[in-house]
Amino acid sequence: MDTAGEEDYQTMVDEWIKAAEGFILLFAINDKESFKSLEDKYKRIEKNNKEKAPIIVVGNKCDLEDQRQISREQGMEFATKIGAKYYETSALTDFNKNCKVVFQSCAHMIVNNLKPEIEEKKSCCNIY
């Protein structure tokens, strides 16, 4: 579910969440507000998705490292707190090819009914 224009579809969002089989929560690493909004989105998912569908948290725009406002550690901490995998990528440059990996990982978890395993990695834009 792309939440752009979400305010226009508020009455439908909860139904979409109920029907979803997996979630990708995306924020921009150079935008604190987008990161802060993840908590509310997660609470809404938790309230409406009783099947406990897999969740992946993605820090996007890692091509803007010099403008970073949210550290990798903060992103990983949030993902760990909600039991999700964490990735960083760039939709512009697809740094480290993680755009594809994010969707493949989510699809794999859905098909195999898996919950994420948290893996610690140190370098930017690797799978966590």
N, C-alpha and C. Protein backbone atom coordinates (compact mmCIF):
# COMPACT_ATOMS: atom_id res chain seq x y z
N MET A 1 0.86 -1.17 0.00
CA MET A 1 0.00 0.00 0.00
C MET A 1 0.89 1.23 0.00
N ASP A 2 0.74 2.05 -0.97
CA ASP A 2 1.45 3.32 -1.04
C ASP A 2 0.58 4.33 -0.32
N THR A 3 1.13 5.01 0.68
CA THR A 3 0.32 5.93 1.49
C THR A 3 0.30 7.35 0.95
N ALA A 4 0.90 7.57 -0.21
CA ALA A 4 0.80 8.90 -0.81
C ALA A 4 -0.67 9.17 -1.11
N GLY A 5 -1.18 10.31 -0.67
CA GLY A 5 -2.60 10.61 -0.85
C GLY A 5 -3.48 9.86 0.13
N GLU A 6 -2.86 9.29 1.16
CA GLU A 6 -3.56 8.46 2.13
C GLU A 6 -4.77 9.17 2.75
N GLU A 7 -4.65 10.47 2.95
CA GLU A 7 -5.75 11.22 3.57
C GLU A 7 -7.04 11.12 2.77
N ASP A 8 -6.92 10.87 1.48
CA ASP A 8 -8.11 10.74 0.63
C ASP A 8 -8.82 9.39 0.81
N TYR A 9 -8.12 8.43 1.40
CA TYR A 9 -8.63 7.06 1.48
C TYR A 9 -8.69 6.52 2.91
N GLN A 10 -8.78 7.39 3.89
CA GLN A 10 -8.72 6.98 5.29
C GLN A 10 -9.71 5.87 5.63
N THR A 11 -10.90 5.93 5.07
CA THR A 11 -11.91 4.91 5.41
C THR A 11 -11.54 3.54 4.87
N MET A 12 -10.68 3.49 3.87
CA MET A 12 -10.32 2.21 3.26
C MET A 12 -9.02 1.63 3.81
N VAL A 13 -8.18 2.43 4.44
CA VAL A 13 -6.85 2.00 4.86
C VAL A 13 -6.92 0.81 5.80
N ASP A 14 -7.80 0.84 6.78
CA ASP A 14 -7.88 -0.27 7.73
C ASP A 14 -8.27 -1.57 7.04
N GLU A 15 -9.12 -1.50 6.06
CA GLU A 15 -9.51 -2.70 5.31
C GLU A 15 -8.33 -3.23 4.49
N TRP A 16 -7.57 -2.33 3.91
CA TRP A 16 -6.39 -2.75 3.15
C TRP A 16 -5.39 -3.44 4.08
N ILE A 17 -5.21 -2.88 5.27
CA ILE A 17 -4.29 -3.48 6.24
C ILE A 17 -4.77 -4.87 6.64
N LYS A 18 -6.06 -5.01 6.88
CA LYS A 18 -6.60 -6.32 7.26
C LYS A 18 -6.34 -7.38 6.20
N ALA A 19 -6.38 -6.97 4.93
CA ALA A 19 -6.22 -7.92 3.83
C ALA A 19 -4.76 -8.16 3.45
N ALA A 20 -3.85 -7.34 3.94
CA ALA A 20 -2.45 -7.43 3.53
C ALA A 20 -1.77 -8.67 4.10
N GLU A 21 -0.81 -9.17 3.36
CA GLU A 21 -0.05 -10.34 3.78
C GLU A 21 1.39 -10.00 4.14
N GLY A 22 1.79 -8.76 3.91
CA GLY A 22 3.13 -8.30 4.25
C GLY A 22 3.18 -6.79 4.14
N PHE A 23 4.12 -6.19 4.87
CA PHE A 23 4.24 -4.73 4.90
C PHE A 23 5.68 -4.31 4.74
N ILE A 24 5.87 -3.22 4.01
CA ILE A 24 7.16 -2.56 3.91
C ILE A 24 6.95 -1.14 4.42
N LEU A 25 7.55 -0.84 5.56
CA LEU A 25 7.46 0.49 6.14
C LEU A 25 8.69 1.26 5.71
N LEU A 26 8.48 2.31 4.95
CA LEU A 26 9.57 3.06 4.32
C LEU A 26 9.67 4.45 4.93
N PHE A 27 10.91 4.87 5.18
CA PHE A 27 11.15 6.25 5.59
C PHE A 27 12.38 6.76 4.85
N ALA A 28 12.52 8.07 4.80
CA ALA A 28 13.68 8.70 4.16
C ALA A 28 14.72 8.98 5.23
N ILE A 29 15.95 8.53 5.02
CA ILE A 29 16.99 8.72 6.05
C ILE A 29 17.31 10.19 6.28
N ASN A 30 16.88 11.05 5.37
CA ASN A 30 17.14 12.48 5.50
C ASN A 30 15.90 13.25 5.96
N ASP A 31 14.92 12.54 6.56
CA ASP A 31 13.66 13.18 6.96
C ASP A 31 13.17 12.58 8.28
N LYS A 32 13.42 13.30 9.37
CA LYS A 32 13.02 12.81 10.70
C LYS A 32 11.52 12.55 10.80
N GLU A 33 10.73 13.39 10.16
CA GLU A 33 9.27 13.24 10.25
C GLU A 33 8.80 11.93 9.61
N SER A 34 9.42 11.55 8.50
CA SER A 34 9.02 10.29 7.87
C SER A 34 9.34 9.12 8.78
N PHE A 35 10.44 9.21 9.53
CA PHE A 35 10.80 8.16 10.48
C PHE A 35 9.83 8.14 11.66
N LYS A 36 9.51 9.31 12.17
CA LYS A 36 8.57 9.40 13.30
C LYS A 36 7.20 8.83 12.95
N SER A 37 6.80 8.96 11.70
CA SER A 37 5.48 8.49 11.28
C SER A 37 5.38 6.96 11.27
N LEU A 38 6.52 6.27 11.29
CA LEU A 38 6.50 4.81 11.26
C LEU A 38 5.80 4.23 12.48
N GLU A 39 5.98 4.85 13.61
CA GLU A 39 5.36 4.33 14.85
C GLU A 39 3.84 4.28 14.72
N ASP A 40 3.24 5.35 14.21
CA ASP A 40 1.78 5.38 14.03
C ASP A 40 1.34 4.37 12.98
N LYS A 41 2.09 4.25 11.91
CA LYS A 41 1.74 3.28 10.87
C LYS A 41 1.83 1.85 11.43
N TYR A 42 2.87 1.60 12.22
CA TYR A 42 3.01 0.27 12.82
C TYR A 42 1.85 -0.03 13.78
N LYS A 43 1.48 0.94 14.59
CA LYS A 43 0.35 0.74 15.52
C LYS A 43 -0.93 0.43 14.76
N ARG A 44 -1.12 1.07 13.64
CA ARG A 44 -2.32 0.83 12.84
C ARG A 44 -2.29 -0.58 12.24
N ILE A 45 -1.12 -1.00 11.81
CA ILE A 45 -0.97 -2.37 11.29
C ILE A 45 -1.25 -3.37 12.41
N GLU A 46 -0.66 -3.14 13.56
CA GLU A 46 -0.84 -4.06 14.70
C GLU A 46 -2.31 -4.18 15.09
N LYS A 47 -3.01 -3.06 15.04
CA LYS A 47 -4.43 -3.04 15.41
C LYS A 47 -5.29 -3.79 14.39
N ASN A 48 -4.97 -3.68 13.12
CA ASN A 48 -5.85 -4.18 12.07
C ASN A 48 -5.40 -5.48 11.41
N ASN A 49 -4.16 -5.89 11.59
CA ASN A 49 -3.68 -7.10 10.93
C ASN A 49 -3.48 -8.19 11.96
N LYS A 50 -4.51 -8.96 12.19
CA LYS A 50 -4.49 -9.99 13.24
C LYS A 50 -3.62 -11.19 12.87
N GLU A 51 -3.29 -11.32 11.59
CA GLU A 51 -2.47 -12.46 11.14
C GLU A 51 -0.99 -12.23 11.42
N LYS A 52 -0.63 -11.05 11.88
CA LYS A 52 0.76 -10.72 12.16
C LYS A 52 1.64 -10.94 10.93
N ALA A 53 1.26 -10.30 9.86
CA ALA A 53 2.00 -10.39 8.60
C ALA A 53 3.42 -9.87 8.77
N PRO A 54 4.36 -10.39 8.01
CA PRO A 54 5.75 -9.93 8.12
C PRO A 54 5.87 -8.45 7.75
N ILE A 55 6.82 -7.81 8.41
CA ILE A 55 7.07 -6.38 8.20
C ILE A 55 8.55 -6.19 7.92
N ILE A 56 8.84 -5.32 6.96
CA ILE A 56 10.21 -4.91 6.67
C ILE A 56 10.27 -3.40 6.79
N VAL A 57 11.29 -2.91 7.47
CA VAL A 57 11.52 -1.47 7.60
C VAL A 57 12.64 -1.09 6.65
N VAL A 58 12.43 -0.02 5.88
CA VAL A 58 13.41 0.40 4.88
C VAL A 58 13.76 1.87 5.06
N GLY A 59 15.04 2.12 5.23
CA GLY A 59 15.56 3.48 5.19
C GLY A 59 15.94 3.78 3.76
N ASN A 60 15.21 4.66 3.12
CA ASN A 60 15.43 4.98 1.71
C ASN A 60 16.29 6.25 1.59
N LYS A 61 16.78 6.47 0.42
CA LYS A 61 17.59 7.65 0.06
C LYS A 61 19.00 7.58 0.65
N CYS A 62 19.58 6.38 0.74
CA CYS A 62 20.94 6.32 1.28
C CYS A 62 21.96 6.92 0.32
N ASP A 63 21.52 7.36 -0.85
CA ASP A 63 22.40 8.14 -1.73
C ASP A 63 22.61 9.55 -1.17
N LEU A 64 21.78 9.93 -0.19
CA LEU A 64 21.90 11.26 0.44
C LEU A 64 22.55 11.14 1.82
N GLU A 65 23.57 10.33 1.92
CA GLU A 65 24.25 10.07 3.19
C GLU A 65 24.68 11.36 3.89
N ASP A 66 25.11 12.34 3.13
CA ASP A 66 25.57 13.60 3.71
C ASP A 66 24.43 14.42 4.33
N GLN A 67 23.18 14.04 4.05
CA GLN A 67 22.02 14.73 4.61
C GLN A 67 21.29 13.86 5.64
N ARG A 68 21.89 12.76 6.01
CA ARG A 68 21.26 11.79 6.92
C ARG A 68 20.84 12.43 8.23
N GLN A 69 19.58 12.18 8.64
CA GLN A 69 19.06 12.63 9.92
C GLN A 69 18.74 11.44 10.84
N ILE A 70 18.58 10.28 10.25
CA ILE A 70 18.27 9.07 11.00
C ILE A 70 19.42 8.09 10.78
N SER A 71 20.07 7.68 11.85
CA SER A 71 21.21 6.77 11.72
C SER A 71 20.74 5.35 11.41
N ARG A 72 21.66 4.55 10.87
CA ARG A 72 21.36 3.14 10.64
C ARG A 72 20.96 2.47 11.93
N GLU A 73 21.64 2.85 13.01
CA GLU A 73 21.34 2.26 14.31
C GLU A 73 19.91 2.56 14.76
N GLN A 74 19.44 3.78 14.51
CA GLN A 74 18.06 4.13 14.87
C GLN A 74 17.07 3.31 14.05
N GLY A 75 17.34 3.16 12.76
CA GLY A 75 16.47 2.35 11.91
C GLY A 75 16.46 0.91 12.36
N MET A 76 17.64 0.36 12.64
CA MET A 76 17.74 -1.03 13.09
C MET A 76 17.05 -1.22 14.45
N GLU A 77 17.20 -0.24 15.32
CA GLU A 77 16.57 -0.32 16.65
C GLU A 77 15.05 -0.38 16.53
N PHE A 78 14.49 0.47 15.68
CA PHE A 78 13.04 0.45 15.48
C PHE A 78 12.60 -0.89 14.90
N ALA A 79 13.31 -1.36 13.88
CA ALA A 79 12.96 -2.64 13.26
C ALA A 79 13.02 -3.77 14.28
N THR A 80 14.06 -3.80 15.07
CA THR A 80 14.21 -4.85 16.09
C THR A 80 13.07 -4.77 17.09
N LYS A 81 12.72 -3.57 17.49
CA LYS A 81 11.64 -3.37 18.47
C LYS A 81 10.32 -3.96 17.98
N ILE A 82 10.05 -3.86 16.68
CA ILE A 82 8.78 -4.37 16.17
C ILE A 82 8.91 -5.76 15.54
N GLY A 83 10.11 -6.35 15.63
CA GLY A 83 10.31 -7.68 15.10
C GLY A 83 10.38 -7.73 13.59
N ALA A 84 11.01 -6.73 12.99
CA ALA A 84 11.07 -6.62 11.53
C ALA A 84 12.52 -6.70 11.04
N LYS A 85 12.68 -7.00 9.76
CA LYS A 85 13.98 -6.90 9.11
C LYS A 85 14.24 -5.44 8.79
N TYR A 86 15.50 -5.07 8.63
CA TYR A 86 15.86 -3.71 8.29
C TYR A 86 16.80 -3.69 7.08
N TYR A 87 16.51 -2.81 6.14
CA TYR A 87 17.33 -2.59 4.96
C TYR A 87 17.51 -1.10 4.76
N GLU A 88 18.58 -0.73 4.08
CA GLU A 88 18.72 0.62 3.58
C GLU A 88 18.99 0.53 2.09
N THR A 89 18.44 1.49 1.36
CA THR A 89 18.63 1.50 -0.08
C THR A 89 18.41 2.90 -0.62
N SER A 90 18.47 2.99 -1.92
CA SER A 90 18.16 4.23 -2.63
C SER A 90 17.31 3.88 -3.83
N ALA A 91 16.14 4.43 -3.91
CA ALA A 91 15.30 4.21 -5.08
C ALA A 91 15.91 4.89 -6.31
N LEU A 92 16.71 5.91 -6.09
CA LEU A 92 17.34 6.63 -7.20
C LEU A 92 18.48 5.82 -7.82
N THR A 93 19.38 5.33 -6.96
CA THR A 93 20.57 4.64 -7.46
C THR A 93 20.52 3.14 -7.26
N ASP A 94 19.54 2.65 -6.50
CA ASP A 94 19.45 1.24 -6.11
C ASP A 94 20.79 0.77 -5.57
N PHE A 95 21.37 1.59 -4.71
CA PHE A 95 22.65 1.28 -4.08
C PHE A 95 22.61 -0.12 -3.48
N ASN A 96 23.57 -0.94 -3.81
CA ASN A 96 23.71 -2.31 -3.31
C ASN A 96 22.57 -3.23 -3.74
N LYS A 97 21.76 -2.79 -4.69
CA LYS A 97 20.66 -3.61 -5.25
C LYS A 97 19.62 -4.00 -4.21
N ASN A 98 19.49 -3.25 -3.13
CA ASN A 98 18.54 -3.62 -2.08
C ASN A 98 17.09 -3.33 -2.41
N CYS A 99 16.80 -2.50 -3.42
CA CYS A 99 15.39 -2.28 -3.78
C CYS A 99 14.76 -3.62 -4.14
N LYS A 100 15.43 -4.36 -4.98
CA LYS A 100 14.94 -5.67 -5.40
C LYS A 100 14.91 -6.64 -4.22
N VAL A 101 15.95 -6.61 -3.41
CA VAL A 101 16.06 -7.51 -2.26
C VAL A 101 14.92 -7.30 -1.27
N VAL A 102 14.53 -6.05 -1.05
CA VAL A 102 13.45 -5.75 -0.11
C VAL A 102 12.17 -6.46 -0.54
N PHE A 103 11.81 -6.32 -1.80
CA PHE A 103 10.57 -6.95 -2.29
C PHE A 103 10.69 -8.47 -2.33
N GLN A 104 11.85 -8.96 -2.72
CA GLN A 104 12.05 -10.42 -2.73
C GLN A 104 11.95 -10.99 -1.33
N SER A 105 12.55 -10.30 -0.38
CA SER A 105 12.53 -10.76 1.01
C SER A 105 11.11 -10.77 1.56
N CYS A 106 10.36 -9.71 1.28
CA CYS A 106 8.97 -9.64 1.74
C CYS A 106 8.15 -10.76 1.11
N ALA A 107 8.31 -10.97 -0.19
CA ALA A 107 7.57 -12.04 -0.88
C ALA A 107 7.95 -13.40 -0.32
N HIS A 108 9.23 -13.61 -0.07
CA HIS A 108 9.69 -14.88 0.50
C HIS A 108 9.06 -15.13 1.87
N MET A 109 9.05 -14.10 2.70
CA MET A 109 8.47 -14.25 4.04
C MET A 109 6.98 -14.53 3.95
N ILE A 110 6.29 -13.91 3.00
CA ILE A 110 4.85 -14.15 2.83
C ILE A 110 4.60 -15.58 2.37
N VAL A 111 5.29 -15.99 1.33
CA VAL A 111 5.08 -17.32 0.76
C VAL A 111 5.41 -18.41 1.77
N ASN A 112 6.45 -18.21 2.54
CA ASN A 112 6.88 -19.22 3.49
C ASN A 112 6.36 -18.98 4.91
N ASN A 113 5.49 -17.98 5.04
CA ASN A 113 4.89 -17.65 6.34
C ASN A 113 5.95 -17.51 7.42
N LEU A 114 6.98 -16.72 7.10
CA LEU A 114 8.11 -16.55 8.01
C LEU A 114 8.04 -15.22 8.72
N LYS A 115 8.55 -15.20 9.91
CA LYS A 115 8.78 -13.96 10.62
C LYS A 115 10.25 -13.60 10.42
N PRO A 116 10.59 -12.34 10.39
CA PRO A 116 11.97 -11.95 10.08
C PRO A 116 12.96 -12.42 11.13
N GLU A 117 14.15 -12.78 10.65
CA GLU A 117 15.26 -13.06 11.54
C GLU A 117 16.16 -11.84 11.50
N ILE A 118 16.46 -11.29 12.65
CA ILE A 118 17.27 -10.08 12.71
C ILE A 118 18.74 -10.48 12.62
N GLU A 119 19.43 -9.91 11.65
CA GLU A 119 20.85 -10.18 11.46
C GLU A 119 21.60 -8.87 11.62
N GLU A 120 22.69 -8.90 12.36
CA GLU A 120 23.51 -7.70 12.54
C GLU A 120 24.55 -7.63 11.43
N LYS A 121 24.58 -6.52 10.72
CA LYS A 121 25.59 -6.24 9.71
C LYS A 121 26.07 -4.82 9.96
N LYS A 122 27.27 -4.50 9.51
CA LYS A 122 27.85 -3.21 9.82
C LYS A 122 27.82 -2.21 8.67
N SER A 123 27.88 -2.63 7.42
CA SER A 123 28.03 -1.68 6.33
C SER A 123 26.70 -1.14 5.84
N CYS A 124 26.73 0.05 5.25
CA CYS A 124 25.53 0.71 4.75
C CYS A 124 24.87 -0.12 3.65
N CYS A 125 23.57 -0.13 3.70
CA CYS A 125 22.77 -0.69 2.62
C CYS A 125 22.91 -2.18 2.45
N ASN A 126 23.30 -2.89 3.48
CA ASN A 126 23.27 -4.34 3.46
C ASN A 126 22.01 -4.82 4.15
N ILE A 127 21.75 -6.09 4.04
CA ILE A 127 20.57 -6.68 4.68
C ILE A 127 20.87 -6.81 6.17
N TYR A 128 19.92 -6.37 6.98
CA TYR A 128 20.08 -6.47 8.43
C TYR A 128 19.11 -7.46 8.98
